[in-house]
């Protein structure tokens, strides 16, 4: 990975995985064609995440890939809006900046770090097994006055901290990209299976208005009540259609706190 361009301070993804879907043409931008595919990325538990990626024909001409190819890539986690059955949905993909073919997987083949602003109220809830989780949507600025809207999920102690953050909070997040299947229920009793993509947070840091990282003791006695929310539903932001307004109020940000997730099972 040392040969790759690492100059993406607010949105950086490293993945190692196996191509598991045929390349399909996506679109053209500035006379450059782009293709979509998916890669299978192993977890420590030996389960897999199936992650969509977008890659340019310029890169493909140098290193052609096919189903079964193992690649090591660097890029950005991006979002875009797509109409599905007349309903706007937030779509997510890893935009590949650079990659190379490899025979070996890395020690940690799935790493992401983003810096952005919380743009929807956090949703704190409990699973049927009483595990505390918190869903947030983070807006990450990029070039040409655009923003990417990234769903994230925190667990346990991190979830309790994340649930206290107001809209507009600037945060730095480290974790991994995960995929999960869920069943979307409709009012007429029908359902459909879908796949959600999100960042599973291993560390979240609140950044103050001066861009400083300051540690503040975490108040474990904070009383939080889970939202009245069906825990079987998708991440709170997975179907939102966000605007491209990347301006958020950061006047209330005074300090930061880092919460490290200690339970290794949360990252497997």
Protein backbone atom coordinates (compact mmCIF):
# COMPACT_ATOMS: atom_id res chain seq x y z
CA UNK A 1 0.00 0.00 0.00
CA UNK A 2 3.02 2.28 0.27
CA UNK A 3 2.91 3.07 -3.44
CA UNK A 4 -0.58 4.51 -3.26
CA UNK A 5 -1.72 8.10 -2.94
CA UNK A 6 -2.62 8.75 0.70
CA UNK A 7 -3.61 12.42 0.38
CA UNK A 8 -7.30 12.12 1.29
CA UNK A 9 -7.41 13.41 4.88
CA UNK A 10 -11.18 13.42 5.47
CA UNK A 11 -12.27 10.25 3.63
CA UNK A 12 -9.86 7.36 3.23
CA UNK A 13 -10.63 3.67 2.65
CA UNK A 14 -8.30 0.66 2.44
CA UNK A 15 -9.78 -2.67 1.37
CA UNK A 16 -8.38 -6.04 0.41
CA UNK A 17 -10.83 -8.48 -1.09
CA UNK A 18 -11.85 -10.75 -3.92
CA UNK A 19 -13.90 -9.54 -6.88
CA UNK A 20 -17.22 -11.43 -6.75
CA UNK A 21 -19.32 -9.80 -9.47
CA UNK A 22 -18.94 -9.04 -13.16
CA UNK A 23 -17.94 -5.49 -14.05
CA UNK A 24 -20.87 -3.45 -15.35
CA UNK A 25 -20.71 -0.05 -17.01
CA UNK A 26 -21.96 2.74 -14.75
CA UNK A 27 -21.42 6.19 -16.28
CA UNK A 28 -19.02 8.59 -17.94
CA UNK A 29 -17.54 11.76 -16.44
CA UNK A 30 -15.06 14.09 -18.13
CA UNK A 31 -14.58 11.58 -20.96
CA UNK A 32 -13.65 8.84 -18.51
CA UNK A 33 -15.77 5.70 -18.18
CA UNK A 34 -16.57 4.13 -14.81
CA UNK A 35 -17.56 0.56 -13.93
CA UNK A 36 -19.21 -1.02 -10.90
CA UNK A 37 -18.52 -4.32 -9.23
CA UNK A 38 -18.42 -5.85 -5.74
CA UNK A 39 -15.64 -7.32 -3.63
CA UNK A 40 -15.84 -9.84 -0.82
CA UNK A 41 -13.89 -8.74 2.26
CA UNK A 42 -13.30 -11.23 5.06
CA UNK A 43 -13.85 -10.35 8.72
CA UNK A 44 -11.84 -11.78 11.60
CA UNK A 45 -14.79 -14.09 12.25
CA UNK A 46 -14.38 -15.44 8.67
CA UNK A 47 -17.75 -14.00 7.72
CA UNK A 48 -17.71 -11.68 4.71
CA UNK A 49 -18.84 -8.20 3.79
CA UNK A 50 -19.85 -7.67 0.16
CA UNK A 51 -18.87 -4.10 -0.68
CA UNK A 52 -19.72 -2.22 -3.91
CA UNK A 53 -16.86 -0.40 -5.64
CA UNK A 54 -16.65 2.01 -8.59
CA UNK A 55 -13.52 1.97 -10.72
CA UNK A 56 -12.40 3.91 -13.82
CA UNK A 57 -11.51 2.36 -17.17
CA UNK A 58 -8.18 4.21 -16.91
CA UNK A 59 -7.20 2.02 -13.95
CA UNK A 60 -8.69 -1.10 -15.49
CA UNK A 61 -6.57 -0.74 -18.60
CA UNK A 62 -3.44 -0.89 -16.44
CA UNK A 63 -4.58 -3.75 -14.15
CA UNK A 64 -7.52 -5.70 -15.65
CA UNK A 65 -9.65 -7.55 -13.09
CA UNK A 66 -12.24 -10.31 -13.28
CA UNK A 67 -14.28 -12.45 -10.92
CA UNK A 68 -11.86 -14.10 -8.50
CA UNK A 69 -9.19 -11.39 -8.74
CA UNK A 70 -7.81 -10.39 -5.32
CA UNK A 71 -7.16 -6.66 -5.12
CA UNK A 72 -5.74 -4.23 -2.60
CA UNK A 73 -7.34 -0.80 -3.04
CA UNK A 74 -7.36 2.73 -1.69
CA UNK A 75 -10.25 5.12 -2.23
CA UNK A 76 -13.15 7.05 -0.75
CA UNK A 77 -16.56 5.98 0.58
CA UNK A 78 -19.06 7.99 -1.45
CA UNK A 79 -22.82 8.40 -1.72
CA UNK A 80 -25.17 9.37 -4.52
CA UNK A 81 -28.91 9.49 -5.07
CA UNK A 82 -30.65 6.98 -7.33
CA UNK A 83 -34.35 6.55 -8.06
CA UNK A 84 -35.52 2.98 -7.35
CA UNK A 85 -39.15 2.30 -8.30
CA UNK A 86 -39.74 6.03 -8.27
CA UNK A 87 -38.37 6.42 -4.74
CA UNK A 88 -35.07 8.27 -4.16
CA UNK A 89 -32.55 6.17 -2.26
CA UNK A 90 -29.12 6.90 -0.89
CA UNK A 91 -26.61 4.60 -2.64
CA UNK A 92 -23.11 3.94 -1.32
CA UNK A 93 -19.94 2.81 -3.08
CA UNK A 94 -16.17 2.85 -2.60
CA UNK A 95 -14.71 5.10 -5.30
CA UNK A 96 -11.35 3.52 -6.16
CA UNK A 97 -8.41 5.90 -6.40
CA UNK A 98 -5.74 3.26 -6.89
CA UNK A 99 -5.37 -0.50 -6.57
CA UNK A 100 -3.10 -3.40 -7.34
CA UNK A 101 -3.51 -7.13 -7.66
CA UNK A 102 -2.35 -9.19 -4.71
CA UNK A 103 -2.12 -12.81 -3.57
CA UNK A 104 -2.15 -12.06 0.15
CA UNK A 105 -4.72 -10.43 2.40
CA UNK A 106 -3.60 -7.78 4.86
CA UNK A 107 -3.71 -8.17 8.64
CA UNK A 108 -6.67 -5.77 8.62
CA UNK A 109 -8.19 -5.76 5.11
CA UNK A 110 -11.00 -3.31 5.89
CA UNK A 111 -10.17 0.15 7.25
CA UNK A 112 -11.89 3.50 6.85
CA UNK A 113 -11.38 6.93 8.38
CA UNK A 114 -13.69 9.90 7.76
CA UNK A 115 -14.11 13.41 9.17
CA UNK A 116 -17.44 15.17 8.79
CA UNK A 117 -20.55 16.60 10.43
CA UNK A 118 -23.50 14.82 12.03
CA UNK A 119 -26.44 15.93 9.88
CA UNK A 120 -29.37 14.03 11.43
CA UNK A 121 -30.35 13.39 15.03
CA UNK A 122 -28.62 10.26 16.38
CA UNK A 123 -30.95 7.29 16.89
CA UNK A 124 -30.15 5.36 20.05
CA UNK A 125 -31.75 1.95 20.48
CA UNK A 126 -31.30 -1.55 21.85
CA UNK A 127 -31.20 -4.87 20.06
CA UNK A 128 -33.40 -7.77 21.25
CA UNK A 129 -30.28 -8.97 23.13
CA UNK A 130 -30.05 -5.59 24.94
CA UNK A 131 -26.94 -4.39 23.10
CA UNK A 132 -26.90 -0.61 22.87
CA UNK A 133 -26.42 0.82 19.37
CA UNK A 134 -26.61 4.29 17.85
CA UNK A 135 -27.13 5.21 14.19
CA UNK A 136 -25.82 8.51 12.80
CA UNK A 137 -25.54 10.08 9.36
CA UNK A 138 -22.28 11.95 8.70
CA UNK A 139 -21.80 14.51 5.91
CA UNK A 140 -18.27 14.43 4.50
CA UNK A 141 -17.20 17.30 2.25
CA UNK A 142 -15.34 16.72 -0.99
CA UNK A 143 -14.28 18.74 -4.03
CA UNK A 144 -16.62 20.85 -6.18
CA UNK A 145 -18.88 21.76 -3.22
CA UNK A 146 -20.24 18.25 -2.92
CA UNK A 147 -20.82 16.11 0.14
CA UNK A 148 -21.08 12.40 0.80
CA UNK A 149 -23.64 11.18 3.35
CA UNK A 150 -22.36 8.16 5.22
CA UNK A 151 -24.46 6.04 7.62
CA UNK A 152 -22.50 4.92 10.69
CA UNK A 153 -23.31 2.68 13.62
CA UNK A 154 -21.75 2.76 17.09
CA UNK A 155 -21.91 0.02 19.70
CA UNK A 156 -21.99 -0.19 23.48
CA UNK A 157 -20.15 2.60 25.28
CA UNK A 158 -19.46 4.34 21.96
CA UNK A 159 -23.19 4.28 21.23
CA UNK A 160 -24.01 5.99 24.53
CA UNK A 161 -21.50 8.74 23.80
CA UNK A 162 -22.57 9.16 20.16
CA UNK A 163 -26.23 9.49 21.16
CA UNK A 164 -25.42 12.69 23.11
CA UNK A 165 -23.92 14.53 20.12
CA UNK A 166 -26.07 17.31 18.58
CA UNK A 167 -26.61 17.85 14.87
CA UNK A 168 -23.70 19.88 13.51
CA UNK A 169 -21.07 18.16 15.63
CA UNK A 170 -17.82 17.65 13.76
CA UNK A 171 -16.46 14.15 14.29
CA UNK A 172 -13.58 11.96 13.21
CA UNK A 173 -14.51 8.29 12.80
CA UNK A 174 -12.44 5.17 12.35
CA UNK A 175 -13.91 1.75 11.64
CA UNK A 176 -14.73 -0.67 8.88
CA UNK A 177 -17.32 -0.82 6.11
CA UNK A 178 -19.91 -3.49 6.69
CA UNK A 179 -22.79 -4.89 4.68
CA UNK A 180 -25.89 -6.43 6.21
CA UNK A 181 -29.11 -7.84 4.86
CA UNK A 182 -32.43 -6.74 6.31
CA UNK A 183 -36.10 -7.16 5.50
CA UNK A 184 -38.08 -4.02 4.68
CA UNK A 185 -41.70 -4.33 5.81
CA UNK A 186 -44.54 -2.44 4.11
CA UNK A 187 -47.92 -1.41 5.48
CA UNK A 188 -49.74 -3.95 3.28
CA UNK A 189 -47.89 -6.80 4.96
CA UNK A 190 -45.45 -7.44 2.12
CA UNK A 191 -41.69 -7.30 2.55
CA UNK A 192 -38.52 -7.14 0.48
CA UNK A 193 -34.95 -8.09 1.29
CA UNK A 194 -32.33 -5.38 0.92
CA UNK A 195 -28.67 -4.80 1.74
CA UNK A 196 -27.50 -1.84 3.82
CA UNK A 197 -23.95 -0.48 3.89
CA UNK A 198 -22.55 1.50 6.80
CA UNK A 199 -19.45 2.19 8.85
CA UNK A 200 -19.13 0.08 11.99
CA UNK A 201 -17.41 2.52 14.35
CA UNK A 202 -14.36 1.42 16.36
CA UNK A 203 -13.39 4.96 17.43
CA UNK A 204 -15.24 8.27 17.32
CA UNK A 205 -13.68 11.61 18.23
CA UNK A 206 -15.51 14.92 18.67
CA UNK A 207 -13.55 17.85 17.20
CA UNK A 208 -13.93 21.34 18.65
CA UNK A 209 -14.51 24.51 16.64
CA UNK A 210 -10.77 25.14 16.33
CA UNK A 211 -10.12 21.70 14.90
CA UNK A 212 -8.47 20.50 18.12
CA UNK A 213 -8.81 17.04 19.63
CA UNK A 214 -9.35 17.40 23.38
CA UNK A 215 -10.13 14.61 25.78
CA UNK A 216 -13.11 15.07 28.10
CA UNK A 217 -14.03 12.43 30.74
CA UNK A 218 -17.05 10.40 29.68
CA UNK A 219 -20.04 10.57 32.00
CA UNK A 220 -21.08 6.94 32.43
CA UNK A 221 -24.15 7.97 34.44
CA UNK A 222 -25.81 9.60 31.44
CA UNK A 223 -29.39 8.37 31.24
CA UNK A 224 -30.41 7.42 27.70
CA UNK A 225 -33.67 5.93 26.51
CA UNK A 226 -33.87 3.90 23.32
CA UNK A 227 -35.90 5.47 20.54
CA UNK A 228 -39.33 4.01 19.91
CA UNK A 229 -38.07 2.21 16.85
CA UNK A 230 -38.46 -1.27 15.40
CA UNK A 231 -34.93 -2.67 15.69
CA UNK A 232 -35.47 -4.74 12.56
CA UNK A 233 -35.58 -1.65 10.39
CA UNK A 234 -32.57 -0.41 8.47
CA UNK A 235 -30.06 2.22 9.54
CA UNK A 236 -31.92 5.47 10.14
CA UNK A 237 -30.40 7.10 7.08
CA UNK A 238 -30.26 4.31 4.53
CA UNK A 239 -33.19 5.58 2.49
CA UNK A 240 -32.88 9.31 3.02
CA UNK A 241 -32.38 11.64 0.08
CA UNK A 242 -29.91 14.19 1.39
CA UNK A 243 -29.26 17.58 -0.11
CA UNK A 244 -25.82 18.76 -1.18
CA UNK A 245 -25.72 21.46 1.47
CA UNK A 246 -22.45 20.92 3.28
CA UNK A 247 -22.80 23.88 5.69
CA UNK A 248 -23.44 22.93 9.30
CA UNK A 249 -23.52 24.98 12.49
CA UNK A 250 -20.40 24.26 14.52
CA UNK A 251 -20.81 27.12 17.03
CA UNK A 252 -21.70 24.76 19.86
CA UNK A 253 -18.63 22.56 19.50
CA UNK A 254 -16.32 23.18 22.44
CA UNK A 255 -14.47 19.98 23.11
CA UNK A 256 -13.87 16.48 21.90
CA UNK A 257 -13.89 13.02 23.30
CA UNK A 258 -12.55 9.78 21.93
CA UNK A 259 -14.29 6.54 22.67
CA UNK A 260 -12.48 3.32 21.80
CA UNK A 261 -14.57 0.19 21.39
CA UNK A 262 -13.02 -2.52 23.55
CA UNK A 263 -15.19 -5.47 22.57
CA UNK A 264 -13.35 -7.18 19.74
CA UNK A 265 -16.51 -9.02 18.75
CA UNK A 266 -17.98 -5.73 17.57
CA UNK A 267 -15.33 -5.57 14.86
CA UNK A 268 -15.51 -9.14 13.64
